[in-house]
C-alpha atoms as a PDB file:
ATOM      1  CA  UNK A   1       0.037  -0.188   0.044  1.00  0.00           C
ATOM      2  CA  UNK A   2       1.751   3.249  -0.956  1.00  0.00           C
ATOM      3  CA  UNK A   3       2.160   6.302   1.082  1.00  0.00           C
ATOM      4  CA  UNK A   4      -0.093   8.307  -1.082  1.00  0.00           C
ATOM      5  CA  UNK A   5      -3.098   5.778  -0.687  1.00  0.00           C
ATOM      6  CA  UNK A   6      -2.513   5.885   2.952  1.00  0.00           C
ATOM      7  CA  UNK A   7      -3.058   9.688   3.174  1.00  0.00           C
ATOM      8  CA  UNK A   8      -5.529  10.555   0.315  1.00  0.00           C
ATOM      9  CA  UNK A   9      -8.332   7.964   1.394  1.00  0.00           C
ATOM     10  CA  UNK A  10      -7.643   5.470  -1.423  1.00  0.00           C
ATOM     11  CA  UNK A  11      -7.917   2.204   0.595  1.00  0.00           C
ATOM     12  CA  UNK A  12      -8.155  -1.437  -0.764  1.00  0.00           C
ATOM     13  CA  UNK A  13     -11.645  -1.687  -2.300  1.00  0.00           C
ATOM     14  CA  UNK A  14     -11.340  -5.527  -2.228  1.00  0.00           C
ATOM     15  CA  UNK A  15     -10.863  -5.756   1.446  1.00  0.00           C
ATOM     16  CA  UNK A  16     -13.308  -2.716   2.116  1.00  0.00           C
ATOM     17  CA  UNK A  17     -16.086  -4.507   0.209  1.00  0.00           C
ATOM     18  CA  UNK A  18     -15.926  -7.378   2.168  1.00  0.00           C
ATOM     19  CA  UNK A  19     -14.985  -5.742   5.696  1.00  0.00           C
ATOM     20  CA  UNK A  20     -18.146  -6.546   7.297  1.00  0.00           C
ATOM     21  CA  UNK A  21     -18.214 -10.530   5.847  1.00  0.00           C
ATOM     22  CA  UNK A  22     -14.895 -10.756   7.778  1.00  0.00           C
ATOM     23  CA  UNK A  23     -16.509  -9.516  11.182  1.00  0.00           C
ATOM     24  CA  UNK A  24     -19.734 -11.649  11.106  1.00  0.00           C
ATOM     25  CA  UNK A  25     -18.776 -14.424  12.799  1.00  0.00           C
ATOM     26  CA  UNK A  26     -17.194 -12.234  15.493  1.00  0.00           C
ATOM     27  CA  UNK A  27     -19.966  -9.875  15.779  1.00  0.00           C
ATOM     28  CA  UNK A  28     -22.367 -12.830  16.048  1.00  0.00           C
ATOM     29  CA  UNK A  29     -20.485 -14.226  19.272  1.00  0.00           C
ATOM     30  CA  UNK A  30     -20.632 -10.628  20.587  1.00  0.00           C
ATOM     31  CA  UNK A  31     -24.156 -10.491  19.996  1.00  0.00           C
ATOM     32  CA  UNK A  32     -25.201 -13.517  21.698  1.00  0.00           C
ATOM     33  CA  UNK A  33     -22.568 -12.762  24.462  1.00  0.00           C
ATOM     34  CA  UNK A  34     -24.440  -9.446  25.377  1.00  0.00           C
ATOM     35  CA  UNK A  35     -27.982 -11.344  25.136  1.00  0.00           C
ATOM     36  CA  UNK A  36     -26.762 -13.745  27.697  1.00  0.00           C
ATOM     37  CA  UNK A  37     -25.841 -11.128  29.951  1.00  0.00           C
ATOM     38  CA  UNK A  38     -29.253  -9.850  30.255  1.00  0.00           C
ATOM     39  CA  UNK A  39     -29.956 -12.605  32.896  1.00  0.00           C
ATOM     40  CA  UNK A  40     -27.204 -10.993  34.949  1.00  0.00           C
ATOM     41  CA  UNK A  41     -29.207  -7.992  35.883  1.00  0.00           C
ATOM     42  CA  UNK A  42     -32.192  -8.304  38.468  1.00  0.00           C
ATOM     43  CA  UNK A  43     -35.261  -9.357  36.867  1.00  0.00           C
ATOM     44  CA  UNK A  44     -37.305  -5.935  37.189  1.00  0.00           C
ATOM     45  CA  UNK A  45     -34.865  -4.315  34.887  1.00  0.00           C
ATOM     46  CA  UNK A  46     -34.278  -6.950  32.546  1.00  0.00           C
ATOM     47  CA  UNK A  47     -36.378  -5.678  29.695  1.00  0.00           C
ATOM     48  CA  UNK A  48     -34.794  -2.275  30.216  1.00  0.00           C
ATOM     49  CA  UNK A  49     -31.178  -3.927  29.725  1.00  0.00           C
ATOM     50  CA  UNK A  50     -32.256  -5.713  26.659  1.00  0.00           C
ATOM     51  CA  UNK A  51     -33.692  -2.567  25.342  1.00  0.00           C
ATOM     52  CA  UNK A  52     -30.291  -1.183  25.378  1.00  0.00           C
ATOM     53  CA  UNK A  53     -28.378  -3.967  23.943  1.00  0.00           C
ATOM     54  CA  UNK A  54     -30.928  -4.664  21.041  1.00  0.00           C
ATOM     55  CA  UNK A  55     -30.166  -1.370  19.322  1.00  0.00           C
ATOM     56  CA  UNK A  56     -27.828  -2.145  16.568  1.00  0.00           C
ATOM     57  CA  UNK A  57     -25.646   0.379  15.587  1.00  0.00           C
ATOM     58  CA  UNK A  58     -22.271   0.228  13.991  1.00  0.00           C
ATOM     59  CA  UNK A  59     -20.501  -1.668  16.582  1.00  0.00           C
ATOM     60  CA  UNK A  60     -17.196   0.325  15.657  1.00  0.00           C
ATOM     61  CA  UNK A  61     -15.365   0.025  19.051  1.00  0.00           C
ATOM     62  CA  UNK A  62     -15.949  -3.953  18.705  1.00  0.00           C
ATOM     63  CA  UNK A  63     -14.743  -3.949  15.264  1.00  0.00           C
ATOM     64  CA  UNK A  64     -11.522  -2.073  16.344  1.00  0.00           C
ATOM     65  CA  UNK A  65     -10.769  -4.672  18.979  1.00  0.00           C
ATOM     66  CA  UNK A  66     -11.433  -7.575  16.724  1.00  0.00           C
ATOM     67  CA  UNK A  67      -9.272  -6.014  13.951  1.00  0.00           C
ATOM     68  CA  UNK A  68      -6.416  -4.869  16.468  1.00  0.00           C
ATOM     69  CA  UNK A  69      -5.839  -8.531  17.335  1.00  0.00           C
ATOM     70  CA  UNK A  70      -7.024 -10.211  14.129  1.00  0.00           C
ATOM     71  CA  UNK A  71      -6.206 -13.987  14.038  1.00  0.00           C
ATOM     72  CA  UNK A  72      -8.756 -14.704  11.210  1.00  0.00           C
ATOM     73  CA  UNK A  73     -12.253 -14.792   9.829  1.00  0.00           C
ATOM     74  CA  UNK A  74     -13.030 -17.856  11.636  1.00  0.00           C
ATOM     75  CA  UNK A  75     -10.653 -17.334  14.754  1.00  0.00           C
ATOM     76  CA  UNK A  76     -13.020 -16.195  17.076  1.00  0.00           C
ATOM     77  CA  UNK A  77     -11.092 -15.433  20.443  1.00  0.00           C
ATOM     78  CA  UNK A  78     -13.294 -15.517  23.568  1.00  0.00           C
ATOM     79  CA  UNK A  79     -11.085 -13.046  25.298  1.00  0.00           C
ATOM     80  CA  UNK A  80     -11.605 -10.514  22.446  1.00  0.00           C
ATOM     81  CA  UNK A  81     -15.318 -11.266  22.499  1.00  0.00           C
ATOM     82  CA  UNK A  82     -15.430 -10.633  26.336  1.00  0.00           C
ATOM     83  CA  UNK A  83     -13.334  -7.456  26.065  1.00  0.00           C
ATOM     84  CA  UNK A  84     -15.863  -6.071  23.090  1.00  0.00           C
ATOM     85  CA  UNK A  85     -18.759  -6.604  25.475  1.00  0.00           C
ATOM     86  CA  UNK A  86     -17.198  -4.519  28.284  1.00  0.00           C
ATOM     87  CA  UNK A  87     -16.037  -1.732  25.823  1.00  0.00           C
ATOM     88  CA  UNK A  88     -19.962  -1.843  24.309  1.00  0.00           C
ATOM     89  CA  UNK A  89     -21.504  -2.071  27.426  1.00  0.00           C
ATOM     90  CA  UNK A  90     -19.714   1.233  28.465  1.00  0.00           C
ATOM     91  CA  UNK A  91     -20.427   2.817  25.061  1.00  0.00           C
ATOM     92  CA  UNK A  92     -24.226   1.942  25.481  1.00  0.00           C
ATOM     93  CA  UNK A  93     -24.160   3.466  29.214  1.00  0.00           C
ATOM     94  CA  UNK A  94     -22.732   6.550  27.772  1.00  0.00           C
ATOM     95  CA  UNK A  95     -25.630   6.555  25.054  1.00  0.00           C
ATOM     96  CA  UNK A  96     -28.065   6.263  27.754  1.00  0.00           C
ATOM     97  CA  UNK A  97     -26.740   9.137  29.848  1.00  0.00           C
ATOM     98  CA  UNK A  98     -26.213  11.274  26.734  1.00  0.00           C
ATOM     99  CA  UNK A  99     -29.603  11.318  25.489  1.00  0.00           C
ATOM    100  CA  UNK A 100     -30.921  12.663  28.901  1.00  0.00           C
ATOM    101  CA  UNK A 101     -28.377  15.633  28.573  1.00  0.00           C
ATOM    102  CA  UNK A 102     -29.232  16.174  24.967  1.00  0.00           C
ATOM    103  CA  UNK A 103     -33.028  15.743  25.624  1.00  0.00           C
ATOM    104  CA  UNK A 104     -32.824  13.289  22.612  1.00  0.00           C
ATOM    105  CA  UNK A 105     -36.056  11.309  21.712  1.00  0.00           C
ATOM    106  CA  UNK A 106     -34.750   9.302  19.158  1.00  0.00           C
ATOM    107  CA  UNK A 107     -31.535   6.846  19.219  1.00  0.00           C
ATOM    108  CA  UNK A 108     -30.899   4.644  16.283  1.00  0.00           C
ATOM    109  CA  UNK A 109     -34.385   5.081  14.903  1.00  0.00           C
ATOM    110  CA  UNK A 110     -35.910   4.057  18.283  1.00  0.00           C
ATOM    111  CA  UNK A 111     -37.255   6.121  21.128  1.00  0.00           C
ATOM    112  CA  UNK A 112     -34.667   6.548  23.698  1.00  0.00           C
ATOM    113  CA  UNK A 113     -34.865   5.015  27.233  1.00  0.00           C
ATOM    114  CA  UNK A 114     -35.207   8.706  28.718  1.00  0.00           C
ATOM    115  CA  UNK A 115     -38.382   9.222  26.309  1.00  0.00           C
ATOM    116  CA  UNK A 116     -39.913   5.793  27.277  1.00  0.00           C
ATOM    117  CA  UNK A 117     -39.014   5.302  30.922  1.00  0.00           C
ATOM    118  CA  UNK A 118     -37.936   8.578  32.144  1.00  0.00           C
ATOM    119  CA  UNK A 119     -34.719  10.378  33.117  1.00  0.00           C
ATOM    120  CA  UNK A 120     -34.568   8.963  36.607  1.00  0.00           C
ATOM    121  CA  UNK A 121     -34.676   5.345  35.340  1.00  0.00           C
ATOM    122  CA  UNK A 122     -32.368   6.411  32.358  1.00  0.00           C
ATOM    123  CA  UNK A 123     -29.624   7.586  34.571  1.00  0.00           C
ATOM    124  CA  UNK A 124     -29.627   4.611  37.235  1.00  0.00           C
ATOM    125  CA  UNK A 125     -29.798   2.088  34.234  1.00  0.00           C
ATOM    126  CA  UNK A 126     -26.730   3.616  32.684  1.00  0.00           C
ATOM    127  CA  UNK A 127     -25.159   3.509  36.001  1.00  0.00           C
ATOM    128  CA  UNK A 128     -26.065  -0.485  36.056  1.00  0.00           C
ATOM    129  CA  UNK A 129     -24.339  -0.663  32.525  1.00  0.00           C
ATOM    130  CA  UNK A 130     -21.384   0.856  33.712  1.00  0.00           C
ATOM    131  CA  UNK A 131     -21.046  -1.118  36.986  1.00  0.00           C
ATOM    132  CA  UNK A 132     -21.639  -4.511  34.710  1.00  0.00           C
ATOM    133  CA  UNK A 133     -18.781  -3.734  32.283  1.00  0.00           C
ATOM    134  CA  UNK A 134     -16.481  -3.483  35.551  1.00  0.00           C
ATOM    135  CA  UNK A 135     -17.666  -6.514  36.694  1.00  0.00           C
ATOM    136  CA  UNK A 136     -16.839  -8.164  33.219  1.00  0.00           C
ATOM    137  CA  UNK A 137     -13.434  -6.544  33.091  1.00  0.00           C
ATOM    138  CA  UNK A 138     -12.320  -8.265  36.377  1.00  0.00           C
ATOM    139  CA  UNK A 139     -12.766 -11.969  34.768  1.00  0.00           C
ATOM    140  CA  UNK A 140      -9.825 -11.234  32.634  1.00  0.00           C
ATOM    141  CA  UNK A 141      -6.338 -13.123  33.864  1.00  0.00           C
ATOM    142  CA  UNK A 142      -4.509  -9.961  33.740  1.00  0.00           C
ATOM    143  CA  UNK A 143      -5.150  -7.000  35.874  1.00  0.00           C
ATOM    144  CA  UNK A 144      -4.223  -4.648  33.169  1.00  0.00           C
ATOM    145  CA  UNK A 145      -7.710  -4.841  31.659  1.00  0.00           C
ATOM    146  CA  UNK A 146      -9.436  -3.917  34.858  1.00  0.00           C
ATOM    147  CA  UNK A 147      -7.041  -1.039  35.040  1.00  0.00           C
ATOM    148  CA  UNK A 148      -7.038   0.475  31.626  1.00  0.00           C
ATOM    149  CA  UNK A 149     -11.150   0.096  31.622  1.00  0.00           C
ATOM    150  CA  UNK A 150     -11.608   1.823  34.867  1.00  0.00           C
ATOM    151  CA  UNK A 151      -9.307   4.598  33.686  1.00  0.00           C
ATOM    152  CA  UNK A 152     -11.215   4.936  30.830  1.00  0.00           C
ATOM    153  CA  UNK A 153     -14.290   4.948  32.346  1.00  0.00           C
ATOM    154  CA  UNK A 154     -13.540   7.733  34.664  1.00  0.00           C
ATOM    155  CA  UNK A 155     -12.113   9.835  31.799  1.00  0.00           C
ATOM    156  CA  UNK A 156     -15.090   9.333  29.522  1.00  0.00           C
ATOM    157  CA  UNK A 157     -17.143  10.440  32.549  1.00  0.00           C
ATOM    158  CA  UNK A 158     -14.977  13.483  33.379  1.00  0.00           C
ATOM    159  CA  UNK A 159     -15.163  14.420  29.535  1.00  0.00           C
ATOM    160  CA  UNK A 160     -19.019  14.306  29.868  1.00  0.00           C
ATOM    161  CA  UNK A 161     -18.787  16.289  33.154  1.00  0.00           C
ATOM    162  CA  UNK A 162     -16.727  18.748  31.565  1.00  0.00           C
ATOM    163  CA  UNK A 163     -19.120  19.013  28.612  1.00  0.00           C
ATOM    164  CA  UNK A 164     -22.009  19.431  30.895  1.00  0.00           C
ATOM    165  CA  UNK A 165     -20.250  22.153  32.783  1.00  0.00           C
ATOM    166  CA  UNK A 166     -19.581  23.866  29.495  1.00  0.00           C
ATOM    167  CA  UNK A 167     -23.158  23.525  28.070  1.00  0.00           C
ATOM    168  CA  UNK A 168     -24.525  26.834  27.511  1.00  0.00           C
ATOM    169  CA  UNK A 169     -21.203  28.483  27.447  1.00  0.00           C
ATOM    170  CA  UNK A 170     -20.688  30.287  24.122  1.00  0.00           C
ATOM    171  CA  UNK A 171     -17.128  31.092  24.594  1.00  0.00           C
ATOM    172  CA  UNK A 172     -15.659  27.555  24.534  1.00  0.00           C
ATOM    173  CA  UNK A 173     -12.247  27.635  22.448  1.00  0.00           C
ATOM    174  CA  UNK A 174     -10.674  25.186  20.369  1.00  0.00           C
ATOM    175  CA  UNK A 175      -8.335  23.902  22.874  1.00  0.00           C
ATOM    176  CA  UNK A 176     -11.276  23.068  25.390  1.00  0.00           C
ATOM    177  CA  UNK A 177     -13.499  21.324  22.526  1.00  0.00           C
ATOM    178  CA  UNK A 178     -10.555  18.940  21.676  1.00  0.00           C
ATOM    179  CA  UNK A 179      -9.586  17.929  25.260  1.00  0.00           C
ATOM    180  CA  UNK A 180     -13.395  17.265  25.830  1.00  0.00           C
ATOM    181  CA  UNK A 181     -13.764  15.021  22.781  1.00  0.00           C
ATOM    182  CA  UNK A 182     -10.466  13.252  23.625  1.00  0.00           C
ATOM    183  CA  UNK A 183     -11.555  12.402  27.055  1.00  0.00           C
ATOM    184  CA  UNK A 184     -15.341  11.496  26.209  1.00  0.00           C
ATOM    185  CA  UNK A 185     -14.914   9.505  22.770  1.00  0.00           C
ATOM    186  CA  UNK A 186     -11.256   9.080  21.893  1.00  0.00           C
ATOM    187  CA  UNK A 187     -10.427   7.400  25.229  1.00  0.00           C
ATOM    188  CA  UNK A 188     -12.723   4.470  24.469  1.00  0.00           C
ATOM    189  CA  UNK A 189     -11.391   4.045  21.086  1.00  0.00           C
ATOM    190  CA  UNK A 190      -7.861   3.881  22.097  1.00  0.00           C
ATOM    191  CA  UNK A 191      -8.363   1.450  25.008  1.00  0.00           C
ATOM    192  CA  UNK A 192     -10.196  -0.584  22.586  1.00  0.00           C
ATOM    193  CA  UNK A 193      -7.441  -0.913  19.920  1.00  0.00           C
ATOM    194  CA  UNK A 194      -4.585  -1.006  22.571  1.00  0.00           C
ATOM    195  CA  UNK A 195      -6.458  -4.051  24.586  1.00  0.00           C
ATOM    196  CA  UNK A 196      -7.326  -5.665  21.742  1.00  0.00           C
ATOM    197  CA  UNK A 197      -3.749  -5.960  20.421  1.00  0.00           C
ATOM    198  CA  UNK A 198      -2.641  -6.604  23.985  1.00  0.00           C
ATOM    199  CA  UNK A 199      -4.857  -9.538  24.536  1.00  0.00           C
ATOM    200  CA  UNK A 200      -3.797 -10.947  21.115  1.00  0.00           C
ATOM    201  CA  UNK A 201      -0.105 -11.049  22.494  1.00  0.00           C
ATOM    202  CA  UNK A 202       0.892  -8.393  19.627  1.00  0.00           C
ATOM    203  CA  UNK A 203       4.446  -6.715  19.716  1.00  0.00           C
ATOM    204  CA  UNK A 204       4.462  -3.816  22.356  1.00  0.00           C
ATOM    205  CA  UNK A 205       5.322  -1.400  19.551  1.00  0.00           C
ATOM    206  CA  UNK A 206       2.328  -2.469  17.603  1.00  0.00           C
ATOM    207  CA  UNK A 207       0.299  -2.157  20.768  1.00  0.00           C
ATOM    208  CA  UNK A 208       1.186   1.179  21.532  1.00  0.00           C
ATOM    209  CA  UNK A 209       0.843   1.999  17.807  1.00  0.00           C
ATOM    210  CA  UNK A 210      -3.000   0.665  17.487  1.00  0.00           C
ATOM    211  CA  UNK A 211      -3.578   2.721  20.811  1.00  0.00           C
ATOM    212  CA  UNK A 212      -2.542   5.906  18.871  1.00  0.00           C
ATOM    213  CA  UNK A 213      -4.348   4.753  15.895  1.00  0.00           C
ATOM    214  CA  UNK A 214      -7.745   4.476  18.171  1.00  0.00           C
ATOM    215  CA  UNK A 215      -7.104   8.058  19.750  1.00  0.00           C
ATOM    216  CA  UNK A 216      -6.913   9.722  16.606  1.00  0.00           C
ATOM    217  CA  UNK A 217      -9.892   7.964  14.929  1.00  0.00           C
ATOM    218  CA  UNK A 218     -12.101   8.599  18.081  1.00  0.00           C
ATOM    219  CA  UNK A 219     -11.186  12.424  17.344  1.00  0.00           C
ATOM    220  CA  UNK A 220     -12.259  12.338  14.254  1.00  0.00           C
ATOM    221  CA  UNK A 221     -15.283   9.971  14.449  1.00  0.00           C
ATOM    222  CA  UNK A 222     -16.742  12.699  17.405  1.00  0.00           C
ATOM    223  CA  UNK A 223     -16.018  15.747  15.087  1.00  0.00           C
ATOM    224  CA  UNK A 224     -17.910  13.603  12.270  1.00  0.00           C
ATOM    225  CA  UNK A 225     -20.837  13.307  14.722  1.00  0.00           C
ATOM    226  CA  UNK A 226     -20.849  16.814  15.690  1.00  0.00           C
ATOM    227  CA  UNK A 227     -21.219  17.733  11.968  1.00  0.00           C
ATOM    228  CA  UNK A 228     -23.838  15.199  11.203  1.00  0.00           C
ATOM    229  CA  UNK A 229     -25.641  16.789  13.921  1.00  0.00           C
ATOM    230  CA  UNK A 230     -26.002  19.878  11.563  1.00  0.00           C
ATOM    231  CA  UNK A 231     -25.964  18.791   8.161  1.00  0.00           C
ATOM    232  CA  UNK A 232     -26.925  14.889   8.497  1.00  0.00           C
ATOM    233  CA  UNK A 233     -29.957  13.228   7.536  1.00  0.00           C
ATOM    234  CA  UNK A 234     -32.206  12.413  10.651  1.00  0.00           C
ATOM    235  CA  UNK A 235     -33.417   9.110   8.665  1.00  0.00           C
ATOM    236  CA  UNK A 236     -29.817   8.165   7.747  1.00  0.00           C
ATOM    237  CA  UNK A 237     -28.228   8.974  10.954  1.00  0.00           C
ATOM    238  CA  UNK A 238     -30.913   7.645  13.151  1.00  0.00           C
ATOM    239  CA  UNK A 239     -31.296  10.206  15.812  1.00  0.00           C
ATOM    240  CA  UNK A 240     -32.373  13.678  16.695  1.00  0.00           C
ATOM    241  CA  UNK A 241     -30.711  16.187  14.923  1.00  0.00           C
ATOM    242  CA  UNK A 242     -29.894  19.715  15.611  1.00  0.00           C
ATOM    243  CA  UNK A 243     -29.533  19.268  19.383  1.00  0.00           C
ATOM    244  CA  UNK A 244     -26.229  20.812  19.909  1.00  0.00           C
ATOM    245  CA  UNK A 245     -27.328  24.263  18.972  1.00  0.00           C
ATOM    246  CA  UNK A 246     -30.611  23.704  20.898  1.00  0.00           C
ATOM    247  CA  UNK A 247     -29.027  22.561  24.015  1.00  0.00           C
ATOM    248  CA  UNK A 248     -25.874  25.075  24.090  1.00  0.00           C
ATOM    249  CA  UNK A 249     -23.270  22.508  22.980  1.00  0.00           C
ATOM    250  CA  UNK A 250     -20.477  24.524  21.155  1.00  0.00           C
ATOM    251  CA  UNK A 251     -18.947  22.056  18.818  1.00  0.00           C
ATOM    252  CA  UNK A 252     -16.029  22.513  16.370  1.00  0.00           C
ATOM    253  CA  UNK A 253     -18.378  23.676  13.454  1.00  0.00           C
ATOM    254  CA  UNK A 254     -20.203  26.193  15.813  1.00  0.00           C
ATOM    255  CA  UNK A 255     -17.082  27.545  17.235  1.00  0.00           C
ATOM    256  CA  UNK A 256     -15.642  28.155  13.933  1.00  0.00           C
ATOM    257  CA  UNK A 257     -18.828  29.669  12.759  1.00  0.00           C
ATOM    258  CA  UNK A 258     -18.654  32.039  16.063  1.00  0.00           C
ATOM    259  CA  UNK A 259     -15.104  32.997  15.313  1.00  0.00           C
ATOM    260  CA  UNK A 260     -15.894  33.764  11.524  1.00  0.00           C
ATOM    261  CA  UNK A 261     -19.153  35.590  11.774  1.00  0.00           C
ATOM    262  CA  UNK A 262     -19.631  39.414  12.042  1.00  0.00           C
ATOM    263  CA  UNK A 263     -19.595  40.704  15.664  1.00  0.00           C
ATOM    264  CA  UNK A 264     -23.440  41.447  15.697  1.00  0.00           C
ATOM    265  CA  UNK A 265     -24.294  37.860  14.119  1.00  0.00           C
ATOM    266  CA  UNK A 266     -21.526  36.194  16.434  1.00  0.00           C
ATOM    267  CA  UNK A 267     -23.333  37.987  19.425  1.00  0.00           C
ATOM    268  CA  UNK A 268     -26.620  36.313  18.521  1.00  0.00           C
ATOM    269  CA  UNK A 269     -24.904  32.998  17.893  1.00  0.00           C
ATOM    270  CA  UNK A 270     -23.672  33.442  21.558  1.00  0.00           C
ATOM    271  CA  UNK A 271     -26.939  34.315  22.873  1.00  0.00           C
ATOM    272  CA  UNK A 272     -28.613  30.963  21.078  1.00  0.00           C
ATOM    273  CA  UNK A 273     -25.871  28.788  22.561  1.00  0.00           C
ATOM    274  CA  UNK A 274     -26.555  30.669  26.162  1.00  0.00           C
ATOM    275  CA  UNK A 275     -30.146  29.752  25.747  1.00  0.00           C
ATOM    276  CA  UNK A 276     -31.201  33.291  25.715  1.00  0.00           C
ATOM    277  CA  UNK A 277     -32.571  33.510  22.150  1.00  0.00           C
ATOM    278  CA  UNK A 278     -34.484  30.543  20.237  1.00  0.00           C
ATOM    279  CA  UNK A 279     -32.231  28.441  18.075  1.00  0.00           C
ATOM    280  CA  UNK A 280     -32.954  29.369  14.483  1.00  0.00           C
ATOM    281  CA  UNK A 281     -31.092  26.270  13.067  1.00  0.00           C
ATOM    282  CA  UNK A 282     -31.890  26.808   9.426  1.00  0.00           C
ATOM    283  CA  UNK A 283     -30.320  30.222   9.614  1.00  0.00           C
ATOM    284  CA  UNK A 284     -27.066  28.899  11.132  1.00  0.00           C
ATOM    285  CA  UNK A 285     -26.987  26.065   8.785  1.00  0.00           C
ATOM    286  CA  UNK A 286     -26.897  28.686   5.858  1.00  0.00           C
ATOM    287  CA  UNK A 287     -24.323  30.542   7.519  1.00  0.00           C
ATOM    288  CA  UNK A 288     -22.207  27.441   7.993  1.00  0.00           C
ATOM    289  CA  UNK A 289     -22.176  26.699   4.208  1.00  0.00           C
ATOM    290  CA  UNK A 290     -21.638  30.127   3.131  1.00  0.00           C
ATOM    291  CA  UNK A 291     -18.823  30.847   5.093  1.00  0.00           C
ATOM    292  CA  UNK A 292     -16.921  27.444   4.113  1.00  0.00           C
ATOM    293  CA  UNK A 293     -17.165  26.052   7.868  1.00  0.00           C
ATOM    294  CA  UNK A 294     -18.592  22.739   6.652  1.00  0.00           C
ATOM    295  CA  UNK A 295     -15.766  21.884   4.154  1.00  0.00           C
ATOM    296  CA  UNK A 296     -12.874  23.190   6.774  1.00  0.00           C
ATOM    297  CA  UNK A 297     -14.642  20.825   9.553  1.00  0.00           C
ATOM    298  CA  UNK A 298     -14.537  17.916   7.008  1.00  0.00           C
ATOM    299  CA  UNK A 299     -10.739  18.348   6.549  1.00  0.00           C
ATOM    300  CA  UNK A 300     -10.272  18.304  10.173  1.00  0.00           C
ATOM    301  CA  UNK A 301     -11.761  14.870  10.213  1.00  0.00           C
ATOM    302  CA  UNK A 302      -9.839  13.808   7.394  1.00  0.00           C
ATOM    303  CA  UNK A 303      -6.567  15.350   8.815  1.00  0.00           C
ATOM    304  CA  UNK A 304      -7.353  12.970  12.178  1.00  0.00           C
ATOM    305  CA  UNK A 305      -7.767  10.059   9.939  1.00  0.00           C
ATOM    306  CA  UNK A 306      -4.424  10.866   8.328  1.00  0.00           C
ATOM    307  CA  UNK A 307      -2.674  10.744  11.916  1.00  0.00           C
ATOM    308  CA  UNK A 308      -4.262   7.424  12.636  1.00  0.00           C
ATOM    309  CA  UNK A 309      -3.156   6.090   9.666  1.00  0.00           C
ATOM    310  CA  UNK A 310       0.511   7.228  10.035  1.00  0.00           C
ATOM    311  CA  UNK A 311       0.687   5.570  13.745  1.00  0.00           C
ATOM    312  CA  UNK A 312       0.256   2.118  11.990  1.00  0.00           C
ATOM    313  CA  UNK A 313       2.175   2.608   8.890  1.00  0.00           C
ATOM    314  CA  UNK A 314       5.236   0.740   9.711  1.00  0.00           C
ATOM    315  CA  UNK A 315       2.931  -2.267  10.579  1.00  0.00           C
ATOM    316  CA  UNK A 316       0.757  -2.487   7.170  1.00  0.00           C
ATOM    317  CA  UNK A 317       2.585  -5.676   6.654  1.00  0.00           C
ATOM    318  CA  UNK A 318       0.329  -7.221   9.196  1.00  0.00           C
ATOM    319  CA  UNK A 319      -3.107  -8.154   8.351  1.00  0.00           C
ATOM    320  CA  UNK A 320      -4.348  -6.668  11.575  1.00  0.00           C
ATOM    321  CA  UNK A 321      -3.007  -3.152  10.924  1.00  0.00           C
ATOM    322  CA  UNK A 322      -4.169  -3.304   7.498  1.00  0.00           C
ATOM    323  CA  UNK A 323      -7.642  -3.946   8.908  1.00  0.00           C
ATOM    324  CA  UNK A 324      -7.506  -1.191  11.000  1.00  0.00           C
ATOM    325  CA  UNK A 325      -6.505   1.086   8.012  1.00  0.00           C
ATOM    326  CA  UNK A 326      -9.658  -0.152   6.148  1.00  0.00           C
ATOM    327  CA  UNK A 327     -11.961   0.611   8.842  1.00  0.00           C
ATOM    328  CA  UNK A 328     -10.693   4.179   8.931  1.00  0.00           C
ATOM    329  CA  UNK A 329     -11.772   4.202   5.302  1.00  0.00           C
ATOM    330  CA  UNK A 330     -15.218   3.590   6.138  1.00  0.00           C
ATOM    331  CA  UNK A 331     -15.337   7.170   8.300  1.00  0.00           C
ATOM    332  CA  UNK A 332     -13.258   8.573   5.207  1.00  0.00           C
ATOM    333  CA  UNK A 333     -16.250   7.715   2.604  1.00  0.00           C
ATOM    334  CA  UNK A 334     -18.814   8.786   5.212  1.00  0.00           C
ATOM    335  CA  UNK A 335     -17.155  11.972   5.450  1.00  0.00           C
ATOM    336  CA  UNK A 336     -17.061  12.419   1.617  1.00  0.00           C
ATOM    337  CA  UNK A 337     -20.693  11.206   1.242  1.00  0.00           C
ATOM    338  CA  UNK A 338     -21.721  14.054   3.500  1.00  0.00           C
ATOM    339  CA  UNK A 339     -20.053  16.475   1.208  1.00  0.00           C
ATOM    340  CA  UNK A 340     -21.714  14.788  -1.775  1.00  0.00           C
ATOM    341  CA  UNK A 341     -25.143  15.067  -0.007  1.00  0.00           C
ATOM    342  CA  UNK A 342     -24.476  18.802   0.482  1.00  0.00           C
ATOM    343  CA  UNK A 343     -23.540  19.473  -2.903  1.00  0.00           C
ATOM    344  CA  UNK A 344     -26.821  17.826  -4.187  1.00  0.00           C
ATOM    345  CA  UNK A 345     -29.460  20.389  -5.575  1.00  0.00           C
END
């Protein structure tokens, strides 16, 4: 694979087209394992837990685990399946809590737990899922898994706390934004790749590189998610859109827009983010397009993907590194598709 292909986004079409086929046995085992965990919870809340688990989704974090420690299409390692369940359970818990804070009614084309069960139940259900993830992490023969998972959970929650504290603050700077998304999103991506490689007994240099890959990919993924909140399709994305402006969350597109607008319009956007002004989402969408912010954010995502790829570049003769590169191509393609959608009449 040429250096040019690694930095411009041109992956292997053959490998890309068959990527999900490679993962089928692994994700099937993961799905069965997650379902088997429902009975670990008290009978009264098992239906709630089952609703959280049965939400489909991309399973990107488990995919990163399986690819980081790849042993073959039909070589499904129980250790990696359990690790994938740990990381996915943490992720599901964060989604339950996110939907409360974002006041979102839809998640993956279904009503959120907060919408159907109420905020109080959703908070405690998320806590129960976190606790079960810790319990699963203690079942590995090495304490490194528990340590890394516990630190990751702490950092994810810290990121969410910081974001909550800053909600409604219209003056967030770029450094603060990147620090928050590194904690709340990139941390779990990093742990998925690092521990996936570690449990597969990979070389320590590759383990570290895989972790770095995951961190940059996580940053890219969160920026992409923030962009789709503004310009995505609710039907395609599967969740309530426009919540960031409405709830006062200053994301990269909105920070760049705020700093690019004339003073009077920037003041209006600040008032909107502070909750002092009704959110006129269509107005701000038009400003994003007119000032080239969408393209700038798109390039910021692609830049992080390039950084992720450079981390594993020395290992591209290995199937696991090649697969990580290929999964990054999926995000690259999604970013380009967003640009195409925006260009359509």
